[in-house]
Amino acid sequence: MRIAVVALGKIGLPLAVQFADSGHEVVGVDVNAATVASVNAGVEPFPGEAHLQEKLSELVSTGRLRATTDYADAIPGADAVVLVVPLFVNDTTWEPDFAWMDAATRSLAEHLTPGTLVSYETTLPVGTTRGRWKPMLEAGSGLTEGTEFHVVFSPERVLTGRVFADLRKYPKLIGGLSDAGAQRAREFYEAVLQFDDRDDLPRPNGVWDLGSAEASEMAKLAETTYRDVNIGLANQFGLFAAEHGIDVYQVIEACNSQPYSHIHRPGIAVGGHCIPVYPRLYLSTDPDADIVRTARLLNASMPERLVAQATGILGSLDGLRAVVLGAAYRGGVKETAFSGAFPTVEALQARGATVTVHDPLYADDELRALGFEPHTLGDPAEVAVLQTDHAEYRALTPDQIPGIRLLVDGRNATDAATWTGTPRIVVGAG
């Protein structure tokens, strides 16, 4: 097959590599000329994705994968087009911002030719594929969906850093606007993906047709919103436990010892492109989902709550030196999307603290580019807030932060015995 992948980001590029590695001709489209040049040179434009560089080098050199900024070069004659263009959410209104996806869809429509399968993999509010993309593609191409081309929604379900493993591990969900489109999608994904055998699933691992684009859209929102709500519940339990001298981690371990409880862990922040964002996409079409809204608001409030606890213990943060440990949104990943570092720094600064940020994955100039003042372990500070559960922080000791008066461990990552004699706040530990 000839396949076009629109947007060569941290999901799109591994997908393009996966398709080409399965024996197909792939052209990636991206508006960023530097990304395109990097791909065509066989050099990964971002680090950290397992096996990406080795696969990219091989596939570009053999001619099975190339990139372009020109839709006219990639789209005409394609058997399938897969879109993984970012969708943003307004921080104030929580409404989706379709600007980038609209632009990509219009450019795609302008060059769409009969017989193409168009698959959207970007997470969407329920109803978007049918109500927004189908009419836009038909209007821009002059073609009729369901006969001259087909549209499906098939959500990406992978984590950066382990995309290729996740593509094999999880069923590929599809939902078409017609039976014919769903069949095309099944044939396409079965030709470009390989699946691990799993005996824990109710049916064989592989391509799962959910019957409609709307069901497929909801499945992605539901599986991610579940995590945000679950973390919100864990945070609620943690706040209560801390007030009553209870170790919530023992409670959660006990609860999860039977098969009907799957309580997640509490923490200072929920970051990344997915968990903080997709509940808001769900709320955009189900505004009565109060449990979803409450969990999202609670999780977003955790940095402020922990900084307030620190203020209560020390009396005041005014004039104190504070270091936030971790700019990344999760351990081991060089990514700051919706990272809790930003609201944590803001909360500390609002109380008069002078704030620096340390992260083993980021150079000083990279931290400054994010708006942070860099910190070096060994420099003094009175307050430390562990925001990211990097493996390096598990061995953190008080002598690495001379003068420390309080550790706020937002991930329960440090060893309590190591911090004996230094006040230490842990979410959910009384």
Protein backbone atom coordinates (compact mmCIF):
# COMPACT_ATOMS: atom_id res chain seq x y z
CA MET A 1 0.00 0.00 0.00
CA ARG A 2 0.87 3.64 -0.36
CA ILE A 3 0.21 5.36 2.97
CA ALA A 4 0.36 9.00 4.04
CA VAL A 5 0.77 9.97 7.71
CA VAL A 6 -0.15 13.54 8.56
CA ALA A 7 1.87 15.07 11.46
CA LEU A 8 5.21 13.48 12.33
CA GLY A 9 5.21 14.06 16.07
CA LYS A 10 5.95 11.66 18.90
CA ILE A 11 3.06 9.41 17.82
CA GLY A 12 2.85 10.11 14.10
CA LEU A 13 6.48 9.39 13.25
CA PRO A 14 6.58 6.01 15.05
CA LEU A 15 3.33 5.13 13.27
CA ALA A 16 4.85 6.01 9.90
CA VAL A 17 7.89 3.88 10.78
CA GLN A 18 5.65 1.00 11.87
CA PHE A 19 3.71 1.09 8.59
CA ALA A 20 6.88 1.22 6.50
CA ASP A 21 8.48 -1.52 8.59
CA SER A 22 5.48 -3.70 7.70
CA GLY A 23 6.43 -3.46 4.04
CA HIS A 24 4.50 -0.47 2.76
CA GLU A 25 5.45 2.80 1.04
CA VAL A 26 4.96 5.67 3.47
CA VAL A 27 5.09 9.44 3.03
CA GLY A 28 4.92 11.60 6.14
CA VAL A 29 3.53 15.13 5.99
CA ASP A 30 4.47 17.80 8.50
CA VAL A 31 4.29 21.60 8.51
CA ASN A 32 7.65 21.78 10.30
CA ALA A 33 10.39 21.87 7.67
CA ALA A 34 13.06 21.02 10.23
CA THR A 35 11.20 17.85 11.21
CA VAL A 36 10.86 16.87 7.56
CA ALA A 37 14.55 17.47 6.91
CA SER A 38 15.52 15.43 9.97
CA VAL A 39 13.35 12.50 8.92
CA ASN A 40 14.69 12.55 5.37
CA ALA A 41 18.21 12.52 6.79
CA GLY A 42 17.30 9.41 8.77
CA VAL A 43 17.74 11.21 12.10
CA GLU A 44 15.03 11.09 14.77
CA PRO A 45 13.86 14.66 15.50
CA PHE A 46 13.21 13.87 19.17
CA PRO A 47 15.02 11.47 21.52
CA GLY A 48 13.65 8.82 23.83
CA GLU A 49 11.50 6.57 21.64
CA ALA A 50 12.76 2.98 21.90
CA HIS A 51 13.97 1.52 18.56
CA LEU A 52 12.89 4.59 16.57
CA GLN A 53 16.36 5.67 15.42
CA GLU A 54 17.45 2.23 14.23
CA LYS A 55 14.21 1.63 12.34
CA LEU A 56 14.17 5.15 10.88
CA SER A 57 17.73 4.83 9.56
CA GLU A 58 16.95 1.57 7.81
CA LEU A 59 13.62 2.58 6.31
CA VAL A 60 14.74 5.95 4.97
CA SER A 61 17.85 4.43 3.41
CA THR A 62 15.79 1.77 1.64
CA GLY A 63 13.31 4.34 0.33
CA ARG A 64 10.24 2.97 2.09
CA LEU A 65 9.81 6.11 4.19
CA ARG A 66 10.21 9.77 3.35
CA ALA A 67 8.76 13.08 4.53
CA THR A 68 7.44 16.23 2.92
CA THR A 69 5.74 19.52 3.77
CA ASP A 70 3.60 19.27 0.63
CA TYR A 71 0.16 17.63 0.84
CA ALA A 72 0.06 17.52 -2.97
CA ASP A 73 3.07 15.23 -2.84
CA ALA A 74 1.71 12.85 -0.20
CA ILE A 75 -2.06 12.58 -0.49
CA PRO A 76 -3.06 11.92 -4.14
CA GLY A 77 -3.21 8.21 -4.88
CA ALA A 78 -2.76 7.13 -1.27
CA ASP A 79 -4.54 3.95 -0.27
CA ALA A 80 -4.79 5.25 3.28
CA VAL A 81 -4.18 8.53 5.09
CA VAL A 82 -3.69 8.53 8.87
CA LEU A 83 -3.96 11.82 10.77
CA VAL A 84 -2.34 12.35 14.17
CA VAL A 85 -2.50 16.16 14.26
CA PRO A 86 -2.58 17.74 17.75
CA LEU A 87 -5.89 18.89 19.18
CA PHE A 88 -5.68 21.54 21.87
CA VAL A 89 -8.07 22.49 24.66
CA ASN A 90 -8.65 26.03 25.88
CA ASP A 91 -7.34 26.32 29.44
CA THR A 92 -10.11 28.69 30.47
CA THR A 93 -13.23 27.42 28.71
CA TRP A 94 -12.15 23.76 28.39
CA GLU A 95 -13.45 23.86 24.81
CA PRO A 96 -11.52 22.02 22.07
CA ASP A 97 -9.43 24.10 19.70
CA PHE A 98 -9.64 22.47 16.27
CA ALA A 99 -7.47 25.02 14.44
CA TRP A 100 -4.57 22.70 13.55
CA MET A 101 -6.82 19.75 12.73
CA ASP A 102 -9.15 21.90 10.62
CA ALA A 103 -6.18 23.19 8.62
CA ALA A 104 -4.81 19.67 8.10
CA THR A 105 -8.23 18.30 7.12
CA ARG A 106 -8.80 21.08 4.57
CA SER A 107 -5.35 20.52 3.05
CA LEU A 108 -6.03 16.80 2.91
CA ALA A 109 -9.44 17.32 1.31
CA GLU A 110 -7.96 19.53 -1.40
CA HIS A 111 -5.80 16.63 -2.62
CA LEU A 112 -7.99 13.63 -1.74
CA THR A 113 -8.51 11.13 -4.56
CA PRO A 114 -11.15 8.39 -4.89
CA GLY A 115 -10.59 5.11 -3.10
CA THR A 116 -8.71 6.48 -0.09
CA LEU A 117 -9.31 5.43 3.51
CA VAL A 118 -8.95 8.36 5.92
CA SER A 119 -8.32 7.40 9.54
CA TYR A 120 -8.26 9.92 12.37
CA GLU A 121 -6.16 8.77 15.33
CA THR A 122 -6.13 12.03 17.33
CA THR A 123 -8.41 11.79 20.37
CA LEU A 124 -11.68 13.63 19.63
CA PRO A 125 -14.95 14.63 21.31
CA VAL A 126 -17.71 12.15 20.52
CA GLY A 127 -19.36 12.94 17.19
CA THR A 128 -16.46 14.88 15.66
CA THR A 129 -15.56 12.34 12.96
CA ARG A 130 -19.08 12.22 11.58
CA GLY A 131 -20.19 15.76 12.31
CA ARG A 132 -17.03 17.74 11.50
CA TRP A 133 -14.52 15.78 9.43
CA LYS A 134 -16.87 14.02 7.02
CA PRO A 135 -18.58 17.24 5.80
CA MET A 136 -15.25 19.08 5.66
CA LEU A 137 -13.63 16.35 3.59
CA GLU A 138 -16.63 16.09 1.25
CA ALA A 139 -16.82 19.86 0.75
CA GLY A 140 -13.10 20.20 0.07
CA SER A 141 -12.75 17.21 -2.23
CA GLY A 142 -16.08 17.08 -4.04
CA LEU A 143 -16.17 13.37 -3.26
CA THR A 144 -18.81 11.42 -1.35
CA GLU A 145 -17.88 9.59 1.84
CA GLY A 146 -19.01 5.99 1.98
CA THR A 147 -18.71 5.42 -1.75
CA GLU A 148 -15.79 7.40 -3.17
CA PHE A 149 -13.71 7.45 0.02
CA HIS A 150 -14.11 6.23 3.60
CA VAL A 151 -13.57 7.82 7.00
CA VAL A 152 -12.97 6.00 10.29
CA PHE A 153 -11.88 6.88 13.79
CA SER A 154 -9.17 4.69 15.30
CA PRO A 155 -7.61 6.16 18.44
CA GLU A 156 -3.92 5.91 19.23
CA ARG A 157 -3.50 4.04 22.53
CA VAL A 158 0.25 4.19 23.07
CA LEU A 159 2.67 5.91 25.42
CA THR A 160 5.69 7.81 24.16
CA GLY A 161 8.87 5.92 24.80
CA ARG A 162 7.27 2.54 24.15
CA VAL A 163 5.10 3.09 21.06
CA PHE A 164 6.22 0.01 19.13
CA ALA A 165 5.64 -2.31 22.10
CA ASP A 166 2.22 -0.78 22.81
CA LEU A 167 1.14 -1.14 19.17
CA ARG A 168 1.62 -4.89 19.56
CA LYS A 169 0.17 -5.14 23.05
CA TYR A 170 -3.19 -3.38 22.80
CA PRO A 171 -6.15 -4.10 20.50
CA LYS A 172 -6.53 -1.60 17.68
CA LEU A 173 -9.97 -0.01 18.01
CA ILE A 174 -11.81 1.11 14.88
CA GLY A 175 -15.16 2.71 14.21
CA GLY A 176 -16.39 3.57 10.74
CA LEU A 177 -19.09 5.78 9.33
CA SER A 178 -20.26 2.81 7.25
CA ASP A 179 -19.83 -0.95 7.20
CA ALA A 180 -17.71 -0.65 4.07
CA GLY A 181 -15.44 1.89 5.74
CA ALA A 182 -15.04 -0.29 8.81
CA GLN A 183 -14.08 -3.24 6.62
CA ARG A 184 -11.48 -1.12 4.82
CA ALA A 185 -10.09 -0.01 8.17
CA ARG A 186 -9.87 -3.60 9.41
CA GLU A 187 -7.99 -4.69 6.30
CA PHE A 188 -5.67 -1.70 6.55
CA TYR A 189 -4.68 -2.08 10.19
CA GLU A 190 -4.31 -5.85 9.89
CA ALA A 191 -1.82 -5.18 7.11
CA VAL A 192 0.29 -2.66 9.05
CA LEU A 193 0.18 -3.94 12.64
CA GLN A 194 1.21 -7.15 14.37
CA PHE A 195 -0.28 -8.19 17.71
CA ASP A 196 0.96 -10.08 20.75
CA ASP A 197 -1.02 -13.10 21.91
CA ARG A 198 -2.92 -12.27 25.09
CA ASP A 199 -4.98 -14.75 27.07
CA ASP A 200 -6.35 -12.04 29.40
CA LEU A 201 -8.66 -10.50 26.78
CA PRO A 202 -12.30 -11.46 26.15
CA ARG A 203 -11.49 -11.97 22.44
CA PRO A 204 -8.31 -12.36 20.44
CA ASN A 205 -5.94 -9.42 20.35
CA GLY A 206 -6.08 -7.58 17.04
CA VAL A 207 -8.37 -5.11 15.28
CA TRP A 208 -11.60 -4.59 17.21
CA ASP A 209 -14.53 -2.99 15.37
CA LEU A 210 -16.70 -1.07 17.86
CA GLY A 211 -19.50 -0.58 15.35
CA SER A 212 -19.39 3.19 14.91
CA ALA A 213 -17.02 6.13 14.95
CA GLU A 214 -18.86 7.47 17.99
CA ALA A 215 -18.24 4.30 20.01
CA SER A 216 -14.57 4.35 19.07
CA GLU A 217 -14.29 8.04 20.01
CA MET A 218 -15.93 7.39 23.34
CA ALA A 219 -13.76 4.37 24.09
CA LYS A 220 -10.59 6.49 23.96
CA LEU A 221 -12.12 9.23 26.08
CA ALA A 222 -13.52 6.74 28.57
CA GLU A 223 -10.32 4.77 29.12
CA THR A 224 -8.34 7.95 29.78
CA THR A 225 -11.01 9.78 31.77
CA TYR A 226 -11.26 6.70 33.98
CA ARG A 227 -7.64 7.20 34.97
CA ASP A 228 -8.15 10.87 35.81
CA VAL A 229 -11.23 10.10 37.89
CA ASN A 230 -9.44 7.21 39.60
CA ILE A 231 -6.45 9.42 40.45
CA GLY A 232 -8.86 12.06 41.71
CA LEU A 233 -10.42 9.49 44.01
CA ALA A 234 -6.98 8.41 45.21
CA ASN A 235 -6.08 12.05 45.89
CA GLN A 236 -9.32 12.53 47.83
CA PHE A 237 -8.54 9.45 49.93
CA GLY A 238 -4.96 10.68 50.36
CA LEU A 239 -5.99 14.11 51.62
CA PHE A 240 -8.38 12.55 54.14
CA ALA A 241 -5.84 9.94 55.25
CA ALA A 242 -3.15 12.53 55.87
CA GLU A 243 -5.49 14.51 58.11
CA HIS A 244 -6.24 11.44 60.21
CA GLY A 245 -2.79 9.92 60.52
CA ILE A 246 -3.48 7.09 58.09
CA ASP A 247 -1.05 5.76 55.47
CA VAL A 248 -3.20 5.73 52.34
CA TYR A 249 -0.62 3.61 50.48
CA GLN A 250 -1.21 0.73 52.90
CA VAL A 251 -4.95 1.25 52.47
CA ILE A 252 -4.69 1.16 48.67
CA GLU A 253 -2.46 -1.91 48.74
CA ALA A 254 -4.99 -3.66 50.96
CA CYS A 255 -7.94 -2.66 48.77
CA ASN A 256 -6.24 -3.77 45.57
CA SER A 257 -5.52 -7.20 47.02
CA GLN A 258 -8.93 -8.33 45.81
CA PRO A 259 -9.91 -8.26 42.12
CA TYR A 260 -12.68 -5.64 42.25
CA SER A 261 -10.56 -2.71 43.42
CA HIS A 262 -8.05 -0.93 41.20
CA ILE A 263 -7.33 2.29 43.07
CA HIS A 264 -4.51 4.33 41.53
CA ARG A 265 -1.86 6.26 43.45
CA PRO A 266 -2.28 9.84 44.67
CA GLY A 267 0.20 12.48 43.55
CA ILE A 268 1.01 16.14 43.20
CA ALA A 269 -0.02 16.42 39.55
CA VAL A 270 -1.48 14.67 36.52
CA GLY A 271 0.43 15.71 33.40
CA GLY A 272 0.99 14.77 29.79
CA HIS A 273 -0.96 15.22 26.58
CA CYS A 274 -3.68 12.74 27.56
CA ILE A 275 -4.98 12.41 31.11
CA PRO A 276 -5.40 16.13 31.92
CA VAL A 277 -6.83 16.90 28.48
CA TYR A 278 -9.23 14.16 27.45
CA PRO A 279 -11.64 14.52 30.39
CA ARG A 280 -12.18 18.08 29.19
CA LEU A 281 -12.88 16.81 25.67
CA TYR A 282 -15.43 14.43 27.16
CA LEU A 283 -17.03 17.26 29.14
CA SER A 284 -17.35 19.30 25.95
CA THR A 285 -20.09 16.90 24.80
CA ASP A 286 -21.33 15.69 28.20
CA PRO A 287 -21.45 18.81 30.40
CA ASP A 288 -23.55 16.96 33.03
CA ALA A 289 -20.64 14.62 33.87
CA ASP A 290 -20.12 16.11 37.33
CA ILE A 291 -17.89 13.28 38.56
CA VAL A 292 -15.48 13.91 35.68
CA ARG A 293 -15.38 17.66 36.33
CA THR A 294 -14.88 17.25 40.07
CA ALA A 295 -11.97 14.82 39.62
CA ARG A 296 -10.30 17.07 37.05
CA LEU A 297 -10.58 20.12 39.31
CA LEU A 298 -9.29 18.20 42.33
CA ASN A 299 -6.28 16.85 40.44
CA ALA A 300 -5.49 20.31 39.08
CA SER A 301 -5.61 21.71 42.63
CA MET A 302 -3.02 19.34 44.10
CA PRO A 303 0.11 21.52 43.55
CA GLU A 304 -1.58 24.43 45.32
CA ARG A 305 -2.80 22.17 48.14
CA LEU A 306 0.67 20.76 48.82
CA VAL A 307 2.34 24.16 48.71
CA ALA A 308 -0.31 25.39 51.16
CA GLN A 309 0.57 22.48 53.47
CA ALA A 310 4.24 23.43 53.23
CA THR A 311 3.37 27.01 54.15
CA GLY A 312 1.41 25.77 57.16
CA ILE A 313 4.40 23.79 58.43
CA LEU A 314 7.02 26.50 57.90
CA GLY A 315 4.78 29.42 58.77
CA SER A 316 5.76 31.36 55.66
CA LEU A 317 7.62 30.78 52.40
CA ASP A 318 8.37 34.46 51.91
CA GLY A 319 12.03 34.91 51.06
CA LEU A 320 12.82 31.19 51.21
CA ARG A 321 14.69 29.32 48.52
CA ALA A 322 12.60 26.53 47.01
CA VAL A 323 13.59 23.92 44.44
CA VAL A 324 11.14 21.94 42.35
CA LEU A 325 12.57 18.54 41.50
CA GLY A 326 11.43 17.56 38.04
CA ALA A 327 10.22 19.60 35.08
CA ALA A 328 8.96 16.57 33.13
CA TYR A 329 5.38 15.46 33.63
CA ARG A 330 6.42 11.88 34.45
CA GLY A 331 9.59 10.04 35.34
CA GLY A 332 12.01 9.07 32.63
CA VAL A 333 10.25 11.06 29.89
CA LYS A 334 11.62 14.31 28.50
CA GLU A 335 8.27 16.00 28.01
CA THR A 336 6.66 18.90 29.89
CA ALA A 337 3.13 18.91 28.45
CA PHE A 338 0.80 19.97 31.27
CA SER A 339 3.56 19.21 33.74
CA GLY A 340 2.81 19.89 37.41
CA ALA A 341 6.09 21.82 37.54
CA PHE A 342 4.41 24.92 36.14
CA PRO A 343 1.60 25.30 38.73
CA THR A 344 3.97 24.20 41.51
CA VAL A 345 6.45 26.95 40.64
CA GLU A 346 3.60 29.47 40.41
CA ALA A 347 2.20 28.45 43.81
CA LEU A 348 5.62 28.76 45.46
CA GLN A 349 6.34 32.12 43.86
CA ALA A 350 2.91 33.43 44.87
CA ARG A 351 3.95 32.86 48.48
CA GLY A 352 7.17 34.78 48.08
CA ALA A 353 9.64 31.94 47.55
CA THR A 354 12.57 32.17 45.15
CA VAL A 355 12.15 29.09 42.97
CA THR A 356 14.62 27.05 40.95
CA VAL A 357 13.99 23.82 39.02
CA HIS A 358 16.12 20.71 38.64
CA ASP A 359 15.63 17.90 36.14
CA PRO A 360 18.29 15.34 35.15
CA LEU A 361 16.88 15.15 31.62
CA TYR A 362 17.13 18.88 30.90
CA ALA A 363 20.16 21.12 30.42
CA ASP A 364 20.18 24.54 32.07
CA ASP A 365 19.43 26.36 28.83
CA GLU A 366 16.46 24.05 28.19
CA LEU A 367 15.05 24.80 31.63
CA ARG A 368 15.47 28.53 31.02
CA ALA A 369 13.63 28.14 27.71
CA LEU A 370 10.72 26.70 29.71
CA GLY A 371 10.74 29.76 31.95
CA PHE A 372 12.54 28.13 34.88
CA GLU A 373 15.68 29.13 36.73
CA PRO A 374 17.95 26.04 36.79
CA HIS A 375 19.04 24.37 40.02
CA THR A 376 22.09 22.20 40.64
CA LEU A 377 21.94 19.52 43.31
CA GLY A 378 24.31 20.62 46.04
CA ASP A 379 23.05 24.20 45.97
CA PRO A 380 21.18 25.27 49.12
CA ALA A 381 17.42 25.53 49.49
CA GLU A 382 15.03 25.56 52.43
CA VAL A 383 12.16 23.79 50.64
CA ALA A 384 12.22 21.02 48.02
CA VAL A 385 9.14 19.81 46.14
CA LEU A 386 9.55 16.48 44.36
CA GLN A 387 7.26 16.81 41.34
CA THR A 388 8.55 14.11 38.97
CA ASP A 389 9.27 10.51 39.91
CA HIS A 390 12.59 10.27 38.07
CA ALA A 391 14.58 7.23 39.15
CA GLU A 392 17.44 9.55 40.19
CA TYR A 393 15.30 11.09 42.93
CA ARG A 394 14.63 7.81 44.69
CA ALA A 395 18.11 8.00 46.19
CA LEU A 396 17.84 11.71 47.07
CA THR A 397 19.39 12.63 50.42
CA PRO A 398 19.20 15.79 52.57
CA ASP A 399 22.87 16.60 52.06
CA GLN A 400 22.17 17.11 48.34
CA ILE A 401 20.05 20.13 49.34
CA PRO A 402 22.03 21.97 52.04
CA GLY A 403 19.87 23.90 54.47
CA ILE A 404 16.68 22.03 53.65
CA ARG A 405 13.92 22.48 56.21
CA LEU A 406 11.10 20.63 54.45
CA LEU A 407 10.73 18.03 51.68
CA VAL A 408 7.39 17.86 49.89
CA ASP A 409 7.46 14.46 48.20
CA GLY A 410 4.62 14.69 45.72
CA ARG A 411 5.22 11.16 44.37
CA ASN A 412 6.11 9.16 47.50
CA ALA A 413 9.39 8.42 45.74
CA THR A 414 11.96 9.07 48.46
CA ASP A 415 13.03 6.77 51.30
CA ALA A 416 11.51 7.90 54.60
CA ALA A 417 14.44 6.45 56.57
CA THR A 418 16.88 8.59 54.60
CA TRP A 419 14.95 11.71 55.60
CA THR A 420 14.69 11.00 59.30
CA GLY A 421 15.16 14.32 61.09
CA THR A 422 13.92 16.41 58.16
CA PRO A 423 10.20 17.22 57.96
CA ARG A 424 8.70 15.43 54.96
CA ILE A 425 5.21 15.72 53.43
CA VAL A 426 3.93 12.83 51.34
CA VAL A 427 0.52 12.86 49.66
CA GLY A 428 -1.65 10.51 51.69
CA ALA A 429 0.83 9.61 54.42
CA GLY A 430 -0.28 10.72 57.86
